[in-house]
PDB file of N, CA and C in Angstrom:
ATOM      1  N   UNK A   1       1.011  -1.300   0.457  1.00  0.00           N
ATOM      2  CA  UNK A   1      -0.177   0.258   0.176  1.00  0.00           C
ATOM      3  C   UNK A   1       0.770   0.875  -0.102  1.00  0.00           C
ATOM      4  N   UNK A   2       1.454   1.690   1.268  1.00  0.00           N
ATOM      5  CA  UNK A   2       2.401   2.872   0.963  1.00  0.00           C
ATOM      6  C   UNK A   2       2.208   4.127   1.906  1.00  0.00           C
ATOM      7  N   UNK A   3       2.111   4.904   1.430  1.00  0.00           N
ATOM      8  CA  UNK A   3       1.902   6.703   1.486  1.00  0.00           C
ATOM      9  C   UNK A   3       0.597   6.919   1.050  1.00  0.00           C
ATOM     10  N   UNK A   4      -0.467   7.573   1.356  1.00  0.00           N
ATOM     11  CA  UNK A   4      -1.358   8.074   0.372  1.00  0.00           C
ATOM     12  C   UNK A   4      -1.197   9.300   0.303  1.00  0.00           C
ATOM     13  N   UNK A   5      -0.780  10.432   0.958  1.00  0.00           N
ATOM     14  CA  UNK A   5       0.199  11.239   0.448  1.00  0.00           C
ATOM     15  C   UNK A   5      -1.443  12.199   1.132  1.00  0.00           C
ATOM     16  N   UNK A   6      -1.698  12.844   0.023  1.00  0.00           N
ATOM     17  CA  UNK A   6      -3.060  14.257   1.254  1.00  0.00           C
ATOM     18  C   UNK A   6      -3.801  13.378   1.900  1.00  0.00           C
ATOM     19  N   UNK A   7      -4.523  12.089   1.227  1.00  0.00           N
ATOM     20  CA  UNK A   7      -5.313  11.708   2.023  1.00  0.00           C
ATOM     21  C   UNK A   7      -5.117  11.116   3.181  1.00  0.00           C
ATOM     22  N   UNK A   8      -4.146  11.196   3.538  1.00  0.00           N
ATOM     23  CA  UNK A   8      -3.637  10.870   4.836  1.00  0.00           C
ATOM     24  C   UNK A   8      -3.068  12.102   5.749  1.00  0.00           C
ATOM     25  N   UNK A   9      -2.758  13.346   4.744  1.00  0.00           N
ATOM     26  CA  UNK A   9      -2.425  14.549   5.947  1.00  0.00           C
ATOM     27  C   UNK A   9      -3.984  15.222   6.375  1.00  0.00           C
ATOM     28  N   UNK A  10      -5.064  15.235   4.838  1.00  0.00           N
ATOM     29  CA  UNK A  10      -6.876  15.660   5.420  1.00  0.00           C
ATOM     30  C   UNK A  10      -6.644  14.659   6.630  1.00  0.00           C
ATOM     31  N   UNK A  11      -6.952  13.191   6.965  1.00  0.00           N
ATOM     32  CA  UNK A  11      -7.445  12.834   7.896  1.00  0.00           C
ATOM     33  C   UNK A  11      -6.648  12.964   9.501  1.00  0.00           C
ATOM     34  N   UNK A  12      -5.090  13.133   8.760  1.00  0.00           N
ATOM     35  CA  UNK A  12      -4.434  13.699  10.057  1.00  0.00           C
ATOM     36  C   UNK A  12      -5.214  15.203  10.862  1.00  0.00           C
ATOM     37  N   UNK A  13      -5.439  15.701  10.020  1.00  0.00           N
ATOM     38  CA  UNK A  13      -5.745  17.257  10.269  1.00  0.00           C
ATOM     39  C   UNK A  13      -7.000  17.404  10.501  1.00  0.00           C
ATOM     40  N   UNK A  14      -8.209  16.374  10.059  1.00  0.00           N
ATOM     41  CA  UNK A  14      -9.485  16.416  10.319  1.00  0.00           C
ATOM     42  C   UNK A  14     -10.053  17.402  12.279  1.00  0.00           C
ATOM     43  N   UNK A  15      -9.665  16.543  13.181  1.00  0.00           N
ATOM     44  CA  UNK A  15      -9.538  17.291  14.179  1.00  0.00           C
ATOM     45  C   UNK A  15      -9.196  18.203  14.772  1.00  0.00           C
ATOM     46  N   UNK A  16      -7.982  19.483  14.054  1.00  0.00           N
ATOM     47  CA  UNK A  16      -7.907  20.445  13.565  1.00  0.00           C
ATOM     48  C   UNK A  16      -8.960  21.064  13.158  1.00  0.00           C
ATOM     49  N   UNK A  17      -9.129  20.631  11.806  1.00  0.00           N
ATOM     50  CA  UNK A  17      -9.923  21.981  11.153  1.00  0.00           C
ATOM     51  C   UNK A  17     -11.497  21.647  12.041  1.00  0.00           C
ATOM     52  N   UNK A  18     -11.936  20.765  12.327  1.00  0.00           N
ATOM     53  CA  UNK A  18     -13.648  20.645  13.263  1.00  0.00           C
ATOM     54  C   UNK A  18     -13.233  21.260  13.409  1.00  0.00           C
ATOM     55  N   UNK A  19     -12.208  21.653  14.708  1.00  0.00           N
ATOM     56  CA  UNK A  19     -12.201  22.839  15.885  1.00  0.00           C
ATOM     57  C   UNK A  19     -11.707  24.251  15.612  1.00  0.00           C
ATOM     58  N   UNK A  20     -11.416  24.377  13.931  1.00  0.00           N
ATOM     59  CA  UNK A  20     -10.601  24.985  13.339  1.00  0.00           C
ATOM     60  C   UNK A  20     -12.184  26.294  12.958  1.00  0.00           C
ATOM     61  N   UNK A  21     -13.047  25.190  12.332  1.00  0.00           N
ATOM     62  CA  UNK A  21     -14.081  25.755  12.313  1.00  0.00           C
ATOM     63  C   UNK A  21     -15.401  26.037  13.703  1.00  0.00           C
ATOM     64  N   UNK A  22     -15.038  25.309  13.969  1.00  0.00           N
ATOM     65  CA  UNK A  22     -16.176  25.513  15.650  1.00  0.00           C
ATOM     66  C   UNK A  22     -15.766  27.192  15.966  1.00  0.00           C
ATOM     67  N   UNK A  23     -14.764  26.806  16.384  1.00  0.00           N
ATOM     68  CA  UNK A  23     -14.249  28.092  16.768  1.00  0.00           C
ATOM     69  C   UNK A  23     -14.851  29.465  16.132  1.00  0.00           C
ATOM     70  N   UNK A  24     -14.462  28.982  14.770  1.00  0.00           N
ATOM     71  CA  UNK A  24     -14.755  30.849  14.115  1.00  0.00           C
ATOM     72  C   UNK A  24     -16.180  30.993  14.286  1.00  0.00           C
ATOM     73  N   UNK A  25     -16.676  29.951  13.945  1.00  0.00           N
ATOM     74  CA  UNK A  25     -18.543  29.996  13.912  1.00  0.00           C
ATOM     75  C   UNK A  25     -18.966  30.849  15.520  1.00  0.00           C
ATOM     76  N   UNK A  26     -18.322  29.942  16.466  1.00  0.00           N
ATOM     77  CA  UNK A  26     -19.003  29.737  17.657  1.00  0.00           C
ATOM     78  C   UNK A  26     -18.457  31.592  18.198  1.00  0.00           C
ATOM     79  N   UNK A  27     -17.306  32.091  18.217  1.00  0.00           N
ATOM     80  CA  UNK A  27     -16.608  33.221  18.465  1.00  0.00           C
ATOM     81  C   UNK A  27     -17.043  34.431  17.531  1.00  0.00           C
ATOM     82  N   UNK A  28     -17.475  34.210  15.994  1.00  0.00           N
ATOM     83  CA  UNK A  28     -18.346  35.411  15.355  1.00  0.00           C
ATOM     84  C   UNK A  28     -19.891  35.441  15.536  1.00  0.00           C
ATOM     85  N   UNK A  29     -20.590  34.249  16.050  1.00  0.00           N
ATOM     86  CA  UNK A  29     -22.027  34.255  16.280  1.00  0.00           C
ATOM     87  C   UNK A  29     -22.003  35.598  17.671  1.00  0.00           C
ATOM     88  N   UNK A  30     -20.708  34.416  18.391  1.00  0.00           N
ATOM     89  CA  UNK A  30     -21.050  35.911  19.595  1.00  0.00           C
ATOM     90  C   UNK A  30     -20.459  37.262  19.231  1.00  0.00           C
ATOM     91  N   UNK A  31     -19.498  37.580  19.015  1.00  0.00           N
ATOM     92  CA  UNK A  31     -19.548  38.402  18.447  1.00  0.00           C
ATOM     93  C   UNK A  31     -20.529  39.496  17.678  1.00  0.00           C
ATOM     94  N   UNK A  32     -21.298  38.773  16.988  1.00  0.00           N
ATOM     95  CA  UNK A  32     -22.656  39.362  15.894  1.00  0.00           C
ATOM     96  C   UNK A  32     -23.911  39.318  16.838  1.00  0.00           C
ATOM     97  N   UNK A  33     -23.972  38.824  18.126  1.00  0.00           N
ATOM     98  CA  UNK A  33     -24.523  38.965  18.370  1.00  0.00           C
ATOM     99  C   UNK A  33     -24.488  40.186  19.585  1.00  0.00           C
ATOM    100  N   UNK A  34     -23.378  40.757  19.693  1.00  0.00           N
ATOM    101  CA  UNK A  34     -23.469  42.171  20.861  1.00  0.00           C
ATOM    102  C   UNK A  34     -23.324  42.878  19.363  1.00  0.00           C
ATOM    103  N   UNK A  35     -22.258  42.886  18.550  1.00  0.00           N
ATOM    104  CA  UNK A  35     -22.508  43.944  17.880  1.00  0.00           C
ATOM    105  C   UNK A  35     -24.023  44.743  17.046  1.00  0.00           C
ATOM    106  N   UNK A  36     -24.588  43.534  16.743  1.00  0.00           N
ATOM    107  CA  UNK A  36     -25.749  43.994  16.304  1.00  0.00           C
ATOM    108  C   UNK A  36     -26.913  43.823  16.949  1.00  0.00           C
ATOM    109  N   UNK A  37     -27.022  43.763  18.386  1.00  0.00           N
ATOM    110  CA  UNK A  37     -27.891  44.137  19.959  1.00  0.00           C
ATOM    111  C   UNK A  37     -28.815  42.816  19.827  1.00  0.00           C
ATOM    112  N   UNK A  38     -28.318  41.408  19.423  1.00  0.00           N
ATOM    113  CA  UNK A  38     -29.437  40.001  19.207  1.00  0.00           C
ATOM    114  C   UNK A  38     -29.359  39.401  20.686  1.00  0.00           C
ATOM    115  N   UNK A  39     -28.333  39.993  20.749  1.00  0.00           N
ATOM    116  CA  UNK A  39     -27.709  39.036  22.372  1.00  0.00           C
ATOM    117  C   UNK A  39     -28.901  39.051  23.223  1.00  0.00           C
ATOM    118  N   UNK A  40     -30.134  39.795  23.237  1.00  0.00           N
ATOM    119  CA  UNK A  40     -31.752  39.736  24.329  1.00  0.00           C
ATOM    120  C   UNK A  40     -32.328  39.089  23.358  1.00  0.00           C
ATOM    121  N   UNK A  41     -32.263  38.396  22.660  1.00  0.00           N
ATOM    122  CA  UNK A  41     -33.436  37.694  22.078  1.00  0.00           C
ATOM    123  C   UNK A  41     -33.337  36.224  22.129  1.00  0.00           C
ATOM    124  N   UNK A  42     -34.200  35.350  21.861  1.00  0.00           N
ATOM    125  CA  UNK A  42     -34.063  34.053  22.793  1.00  0.00           C
ATOM    126  C   UNK A  42     -35.071  33.005  21.840  1.00  0.00           C
ATOM    127  N   UNK A  43     -33.977  32.066  22.392  1.00  0.00           N
ATOM    128  CA  UNK A  43     -34.595  30.409  20.956  1.00  0.00           C
ATOM    129  C   UNK A  43     -34.973  29.738  22.381  1.00  0.00           C
ATOM    130  N   UNK A  44     -37.009  28.965  22.281  1.00  0.00           N
ATOM    131  CA  UNK A  44     -36.409  28.500  23.302  1.00  0.00           C
ATOM    132  C   UNK A  44     -36.622  28.884  24.653  1.00  0.00           C
ATOM    133  N   UNK A  45     -36.349  29.658  25.576  1.00  0.00           N
ATOM    134  CA  UNK A  45     -36.321  30.120  26.869  1.00  0.00           C
ATOM    135  C   UNK A  45     -34.353  30.649  26.889  1.00  0.00           C
ATOM    136  N   UNK A  46     -33.886  30.210  26.078  1.00  0.00           N
ATOM    137  CA  UNK A  46     -32.599  30.245  26.330  1.00  0.00           C
ATOM    138  C   UNK A  46     -31.431  31.740  25.015  1.00  0.00           C
ATOM    139  N   UNK A  47     -30.880  32.440  26.165  1.00  0.00           N
ATOM    140  CA  UNK A  47     -30.372  33.506  24.810  1.00  0.00           C
ATOM    141  C   UNK A  47     -30.373  32.663  22.778  1.00  0.00           C
ATOM    142  N   UNK A  48     -30.335  33.200  22.094  1.00  0.00           N
ATOM    143  CA  UNK A  48     -30.052  32.597  21.010  1.00  0.00           C
ATOM    144  C   UNK A  48     -28.854  32.930  20.850  1.00  0.00           C
ATOM    145  N   UNK A  49     -27.873  33.593  20.780  1.00  0.00           N
ATOM    146  CA  UNK A  49     -26.569  32.859  20.718  1.00  0.00           C
ATOM    147  C   UNK A  49     -25.587  31.696  21.360  1.00  0.00           C
ATOM    148  N   UNK A  50     -26.343  31.568  22.335  1.00  0.00           N
ATOM    149  CA  UNK A  50     -25.587  30.491  23.382  1.00  0.00           C
ATOM    150  C   UNK A  50     -26.348  29.424  22.993  1.00  0.00           C
ATOM    151  N   UNK A  51     -27.972  29.387  22.367  1.00  0.00           N
ATOM    152  CA  UNK A  51     -28.041  28.389  22.048  1.00  0.00           C
ATOM    153  C   UNK A  51     -28.013  27.582  21.065  1.00  0.00           C
ATOM    154  N   UNK A  52     -27.515  28.060  19.311  1.00  0.00           N
ATOM    155  CA  UNK A  52     -26.292  28.845  18.634  1.00  0.00           C
ATOM    156  C   UNK A  52     -25.379  28.007  18.641  1.00  0.00           C
ATOM    157  N   UNK A  53     -24.463  28.361  19.943  1.00  0.00           N
ATOM    158  CA  UNK A  53     -22.994  27.885  19.755  1.00  0.00           C
ATOM    159  C   UNK A  53     -23.081  26.307  20.647  1.00  0.00           C
ATOM    160  N   UNK A  54     -23.744  26.209  21.273  1.00  0.00           N
ATOM    161  CA  UNK A  54     -24.237  25.520  22.409  1.00  0.00           C
ATOM    162  C   UNK A  54     -24.330  23.822  21.134  1.00  0.00           C
ATOM    163  N   UNK A  55     -25.014  24.647  19.926  1.00  0.00           N
ATOM    164  CA  UNK A  55     -25.675  23.755  18.664  1.00  0.00           C
ATOM    165  C   UNK A  55     -24.468  22.771  17.948  1.00  0.00           C
ATOM    166  N   UNK A  56     -23.615  23.906  17.828  1.00  0.00           N
ATOM    167  CA  UNK A  56     -22.712  23.922  16.473  1.00  0.00           C
ATOM    168  C   UNK A  56     -21.668  23.505  17.198  1.00  0.00           C
ATOM    169  N   UNK A  57     -21.825  23.626  18.742  1.00  0.00           N
ATOM    170  CA  UNK A  57     -20.236  23.048  19.563  1.00  0.00           C
ATOM    171  C   UNK A  57     -20.477  20.980  19.722  1.00  0.00           C
ATOM    172  N   UNK A  58     -22.278  21.110  20.055  1.00  0.00           N
ATOM    173  CA  UNK A  58     -22.400  19.990  19.930  1.00  0.00           C
ATOM    174  C   UNK A  58     -21.851  18.615  18.419  1.00  0.00           C
ATOM    175  N   UNK A  59     -22.533  19.542  17.344  1.00  0.00           N
ATOM    176  CA  UNK A  59     -22.324  18.862  15.842  1.00  0.00           C
ATOM    177  C   UNK A  59     -20.919  18.713  15.769  1.00  0.00           C
ATOM    178  N   UNK A  60     -20.119  19.985  16.246  1.00  0.00           N
ATOM    179  CA  UNK A  60     -18.544  19.688  15.858  1.00  0.00           C
ATOM    180  C   UNK A  60     -18.013  18.639  16.965  1.00  0.00           C
ATOM    181  N   UNK A  61     -19.197  18.039  18.174  1.00  0.00           N
ATOM    182  CA  UNK A  61     -18.271  17.148  19.106  1.00  0.00           C
ATOM    183  C   UNK A  61     -18.108  15.397  18.503  1.00  0.00           C
ATOM    184  N   UNK A  62     -19.894  15.670  17.417  1.00  0.00           N
ATOM    185  CA  UNK A  62     -20.287  14.665  17.100  1.00  0.00           C
ATOM    186  C   UNK A  62     -18.942  14.461  16.535  1.00  0.00           C
ATOM    187  N   UNK A  63     -18.262  15.770  15.294  1.00  0.00           N
ATOM    188  CA  UNK A  63     -17.588  14.897  14.134  1.00  0.00           C
ATOM    189  C   UNK A  63     -16.246  14.720  14.940  1.00  0.00           C
ATOM    190  N   UNK A  64     -15.993  15.333  16.111  1.00  0.00           N
ATOM    191  CA  UNK A  64     -14.738  14.335  16.204  1.00  0.00           C
ATOM    192  C   UNK A  64     -14.828  13.562  16.859  1.00  0.00           C
ATOM    193  N   UNK A  65     -15.901  12.910  17.498  1.00  0.00           N
ATOM    194  CA  UNK A  65     -16.226  11.633  17.819  1.00  0.00           C
ATOM    195  C   UNK A  65     -15.953  10.474  17.074  1.00  0.00           C
ATOM    196  N   UNK A  66     -16.500  10.869  15.559  1.00  0.00           N
ATOM    197  CA  UNK A  66     -16.629   9.880  14.107  1.00  0.00           C
ATOM    198  C   UNK A  66     -15.311   9.767  13.399  1.00  0.00           C
ATOM    199  N   UNK A  67     -13.950  11.202  14.055  1.00  0.00           N
ATOM    200  CA  UNK A  67     -12.923  11.005  13.876  1.00  0.00           C
ATOM    201  C   UNK A  67     -12.454   9.942  14.055  1.00  0.00           C
ATOM    202  N   UNK A  68     -12.276   9.899  15.385  1.00  0.00           N
ATOM    203  CA  UNK A  68     -12.022   9.375  17.024  1.00  0.00           C
ATOM    204  C   UNK A  68     -12.225   7.482  16.433  1.00  0.00           C
ATOM    205  N   UNK A  69     -13.929   7.668  15.725  1.00  0.00           N
ATOM    206  CA  UNK A  69     -14.341   6.315  15.831  1.00  0.00           C
ATOM    207  C   UNK A  69     -13.147   5.249  14.782  1.00  0.00           C
ATOM    208  N   UNK A  70     -13.370   6.233  13.966  1.00  0.00           N
ATOM    209  CA  UNK A  70     -13.469   6.361  12.295  1.00  0.00           C
ATOM    210  C   UNK A  70     -11.276   5.479  12.401  1.00  0.00           C
ATOM    211  N   UNK A  71     -10.739   6.593  12.914  1.00  0.00           N
ATOM    212  CA  UNK A  71      -9.195   6.397  12.835  1.00  0.00           C
ATOM    213  C   UNK A  71      -9.027   4.903  14.030  1.00  0.00           C
ATOM    214  N   UNK A  72      -9.861   4.448  15.194  1.00  0.00           N
ATOM    215  CA  UNK A  72      -9.617   3.637  15.711  1.00  0.00           C
ATOM    216  C   UNK A  72      -9.996   2.234  15.106  1.00  0.00           C
ATOM    217  N   UNK A  73     -10.985   2.116  14.347  1.00  0.00           N
ATOM    218  CA  UNK A  73     -11.226   0.880  14.159  1.00  0.00           C
ATOM    219  C   UNK A  73     -10.475   0.813  12.757  1.00  0.00           C
ATOM    220  N   UNK A  74      -9.724   1.598  12.108  1.00  0.00           N
ATOM    221  CA  UNK A  74      -8.970   1.754  10.671  1.00  0.00           C
ATOM    222  C   UNK A  74      -7.815   0.096  10.771  1.00  0.00           C
ATOM    223  N   UNK A  75      -7.860   0.164   9.719  1.00  0.00           N
ATOM    224  CA  UNK A  75      -6.280  -1.500   9.158  1.00  0.00           C
ATOM    225  C   UNK A  75      -5.128  -1.439   9.946  1.00  0.00           C
ATOM    226  N   UNK A  76      -4.409  -1.163  10.595  1.00  0.00           N
ATOM    227  CA  UNK A  76      -3.262  -0.758  10.652  1.00  0.00           C
ATOM    228  C   UNK A  76      -1.973  -1.607  10.031  1.00  0.00           C
ATOM    229  N   UNK A  77      -2.536  -2.052   8.339  1.00  0.00           N
ATOM    230  CA  UNK A  77      -1.462  -3.459   7.718  1.00  0.00           C
ATOM    231  C   UNK A  77      -0.738  -2.563   7.468  1.00  0.00           C
ATOM    232  N   UNK A  78      -1.510  -1.432   6.666  1.00  0.00           N
ATOM    233  CA  UNK A  78      -0.414  -0.337   5.217  1.00  0.00           C
ATOM    234  C   UNK A  78       0.605   0.552   6.416  1.00  0.00           C
ATOM    235  N   UNK A  79       1.735   0.219   5.476  1.00  0.00           N
ATOM    236  CA  UNK A  79       2.791   1.233   6.237  1.00  0.00           C
ATOM    237  C   UNK A  79       2.821   2.719   6.540  1.00  0.00           C
ATOM    238  N   UNK A  80       2.789   2.971   7.947  1.00  0.00           N
ATOM    239  CA  UNK A  80       2.934   4.677   8.464  1.00  0.00           C
ATOM    240  C   UNK A  80       1.315   4.165   8.884  1.00  0.00           C
ATOM    241  N   UNK A  81       0.156   2.986   8.973  1.00  0.00           N
ATOM    242  CA  UNK A  81      -0.934   3.233   8.913  1.00  0.00           C
ATOM    243  C   UNK A  81      -1.505   3.980  10.601  1.00  0.00           C
ATOM    244  N   UNK A  82      -0.987   3.134  11.445  1.00  0.00           N
ATOM    245  CA  UNK A  82      -0.560   2.977  12.997  1.00  0.00           C
ATOM    246  C   UNK A  82      -0.961   4.185  13.375  1.00  0.00           C
ATOM    247  N   UNK A  83       0.412   5.453  13.105  1.00  0.00           N
ATOM    248  CA  UNK A  83       0.843   6.147  13.256  1.00  0.00           C
ATOM    249  C   UNK A  83       0.117   7.184  12.506  1.00  0.00           C
ATOM    250  N   UNK A  84      -0.393   7.063  11.649  1.00  0.00           N
ATOM    251  CA  UNK A  84      -2.009   8.260  10.996  1.00  0.00           C
ATOM    252  C   UNK A  84      -2.799   7.505  12.032  1.00  0.00           C
ATOM    253  N   UNK A  85      -3.329   7.364  12.006  1.00  0.00           N
ATOM    254  CA  UNK A  85      -4.530   6.562  12.668  1.00  0.00           C
ATOM    255  C   UNK A  85      -4.450   7.058  14.170  1.00  0.00           C
ATOM    256  N   UNK A  86      -3.286   7.009  14.851  1.00  0.00           N
ATOM    257  CA  UNK A  86      -2.858   7.140  16.236  1.00  0.00           C
ATOM    258  C   UNK A  86      -2.850   8.753  16.288  1.00  0.00           C
ATOM    259  N   UNK A  87      -2.338   9.349  15.276  1.00  0.00           N
ATOM    260  CA  UNK A  87      -2.528  11.248  15.683  1.00  0.00           C
ATOM    261  C   UNK A  87      -3.168  11.362  14.607  1.00  0.00           C
ATOM    262  N   UNK A  88      -4.352  10.418  14.211  1.00  0.00           N
ATOM    263  CA  UNK A  88      -6.019  11.527  13.697  1.00  0.00           C
ATOM    264  C   UNK A  88      -6.758  11.841  15.022  1.00  0.00           C
ATOM    265  N   UNK A  89      -6.727  10.867  15.868  1.00  0.00           N
ATOM    266  CA  UNK A  89      -7.280   9.983  17.139  1.00  0.00           C
ATOM    267  C   UNK A  89      -7.167  11.085  18.006  1.00  0.00           C
ATOM    268  N   UNK A  90      -6.003  11.565  17.939  1.00  0.00           N
ATOM    269  CA  UNK A  90      -5.124  12.252  19.686  1.00  0.00           C
ATOM    270  C   UNK A  90      -5.822  13.674  18.686  1.00  0.00           C
ATOM    271  N   UNK A  91      -5.216  14.777  17.582  1.00  0.00           N
ATOM    272  CA  UNK A  91      -5.457  15.498  17.327  1.00  0.00           C
ATOM    273  C   UNK A  91      -6.939  15.778  17.388  1.00  0.00           C
ATOM    274  N   UNK A  92      -7.390  14.642  17.140  1.00  0.00           N
ATOM    275  CA  UNK A  92      -9.406  14.897  17.320  1.00  0.00           C
ATOM    276  C   UNK A  92      -9.477  14.928  18.780  1.00  0.00           C
ATOM    277  N   UNK A  93      -9.257  14.158  19.796  1.00  0.00           N
ATOM    278  CA  UNK A  93      -9.166  14.559  21.241  1.00  0.00           C
ATOM    279  C   UNK A  93      -8.983  15.734  22.051  1.00  0.00           C
ATOM    280  N   UNK A  94      -7.274  16.476  21.568  1.00  0.00           N
ATOM    281  CA  UNK A  94      -7.646  17.739  21.460  1.00  0.00           C
ATOM    282  C   UNK A  94      -8.070  18.640  21.367  1.00  0.00           C
ATOM    283  N   UNK A  95      -8.704  18.144  20.405  1.00  0.00           N
ATOM    284  CA  UNK A  95      -9.375  19.463  19.612  1.00  0.00           C
ATOM    285  C   UNK A  95     -11.302  19.461  20.622  1.00  0.00           C
ATOM    286  N   UNK A  96     -11.792  18.324  20.653  1.00  0.00           N
ATOM    287  CA  UNK A  96     -13.113  18.175  21.557  1.00  0.00           C
ATOM    288  C   UNK A  96     -12.561  18.677  22.895  1.00  0.00           C
ATOM    289  N   UNK A  97     -11.753  18.419  23.812  1.00  0.00           N
ATOM    290  CA  UNK A  97     -10.643  18.766  24.994  1.00  0.00           C
ATOM    291  C   UNK A  97     -10.881  20.555  24.647  1.00  0.00           C
ATOM    292  N   UNK A  98     -10.659  21.119  23.599  1.00  0.00           N
ATOM    293  CA  UNK A  98     -10.205  22.819  23.204  1.00  0.00           C
ATOM    294  C   UNK A  98     -11.775  22.944  22.790  1.00  0.00           C
ATOM    295  N   UNK A  99     -12.597  22.286  22.586  1.00  0.00           N
ATOM    296  CA  UNK A  99     -13.867  22.983  22.548  1.00  0.00           C
ATOM    297  C   UNK A  99     -14.516  23.013  24.232  1.00  0.00           C
ATOM    298  N   UNK A 100     -14.146  21.634  24.269  1.00  0.00           N
ATOM    299  CA  UNK A 100     -15.352  22.154  26.189  1.00  0.00           C
ATOM    300  C   UNK A 100     -14.716  22.887  26.162  1.00  0.00           C
ATOM    301  N   UNK A 101     -12.766  23.134  26.820  1.00  0.00           N
ATOM    302  CA  UNK A 101     -12.195  23.970  27.342  1.00  0.00           C
ATOM    303  C   UNK A 101     -12.891  25.726  27.134  1.00  0.00           C
ATOM    304  N   UNK A 102     -13.461  25.943  25.698  1.00  0.00           N
ATOM    305  CA  UNK A 102     -13.345  26.923  24.861  1.00  0.00           C
ATOM    306  C   UNK A 102     -15.974  27.650  25.406  1.00  0.00           C
ATOM    307  N   UNK A 103     -15.839  25.789  26.103  1.00  0.00           N
ATOM    308  CA  UNK A 103     -17.464  26.331  26.190  1.00  0.00           C
ATOM    309  C   UNK A 103     -17.448  27.032  27.163  1.00  0.00           C
ATOM    310  N   UNK A 104     -16.451  26.837  28.201  1.00  0.00           N
ATOM    311  CA  UNK A 104     -16.552  27.620  29.511  1.00  0.00           C
ATOM    312  C   UNK A 104     -17.283  28.999  29.237  1.00  0.00           C
ATOM    313  N   UNK A 105     -16.507  29.977  28.428  1.00  0.00           N
ATOM    314  CA  UNK A 105     -17.301  31.330  28.444  1.00  0.00           C
ATOM    315  C   UNK A 105     -19.485  31.418  28.105  1.00  0.00           C
ATOM    316  N   UNK A 106     -19.497  30.438  27.701  1.00  0.00           N
ATOM    317  CA  UNK A 106     -20.904  30.555  27.854  1.00  0.00           C
ATOM    318  C   UNK A 106     -21.575  30.265  29.199  1.00  0.00           C
ATOM    319  N   UNK A 107     -20.826  30.942  30.488  1.00  0.00           N
ATOM    320  CA  UNK A 107     -21.437  30.854  31.539  1.00  0.00           C
ATOM    321  C   UNK A 107     -21.389  32.407  32.603  1.00  0.00           C
ATOM    322  N   UNK A 108     -20.514  33.023  31.171  1.00  0.00           N
ATOM    323  CA  UNK A 108     -20.038  34.097  31.742  1.00  0.00           C
ATOM    324  C   UNK A 108     -21.172  34.830  31.149  1.00  0.00           C
ATOM    325  N   UNK A 109     -21.413  36.374  31.611  1.00  0.00           N
ATOM    326  CA  UNK A 109     -22.651  37.471  31.027  1.00  0.00           C
ATOM    327  C   UNK A 109     -22.364  37.646  29.581  1.00  0.00           C
ATOM    328  N   UNK A 110     -23.541  37.974  28.595  1.00  0.00           N
ATOM    329  CA  UNK A 110     -23.082  38.074  27.062  1.00  0.00           C
ATOM    330  C   UNK A 110     -22.560  39.449  27.077  1.00  0.00           C
ATOM    331  N   UNK A 111     -21.551  40.174  26.374  1.00  0.00           N
ATOM    332  CA  UNK A 111     -21.610  41.451  26.063  1.00  0.00           C
ATOM    333  C   UNK A 111     -21.274  42.472  27.135  1.00  0.00           C
ATOM    334  N   UNK A 112     -19.897  41.653  27.729  1.00  0.00           N
ATOM    335  CA  UNK A 112     -20.147  42.399  29.096  1.00  0.00           C
ATOM    336  C   UNK A 112     -18.282  43.459  28.086  1.00  0.00           C
TER     337      UNK A 112
END
């Protein structure tokens, strides 16, 4: 088999890319809610921006779990396969931990 190049790099970077996409979306929503003054609007009894950020975070954590699951069930028979799998799983786990850590900001008052 051997090294498949871009596919392997993309798989190893998937966790970081998911984290980055969630980071941009979550902080953009928070900034826009303050700038456009819709932080007082609610959705289901909760602040709109907070609800959207929680939804994006849950979706991103699910995507990280999928990357970890695919990495852990992969075939290590290919040269470098086990290394690629462990790097992909490790980056996805670090991305998931970073998302949880960044979500603590939801407990702070908005737009202060």
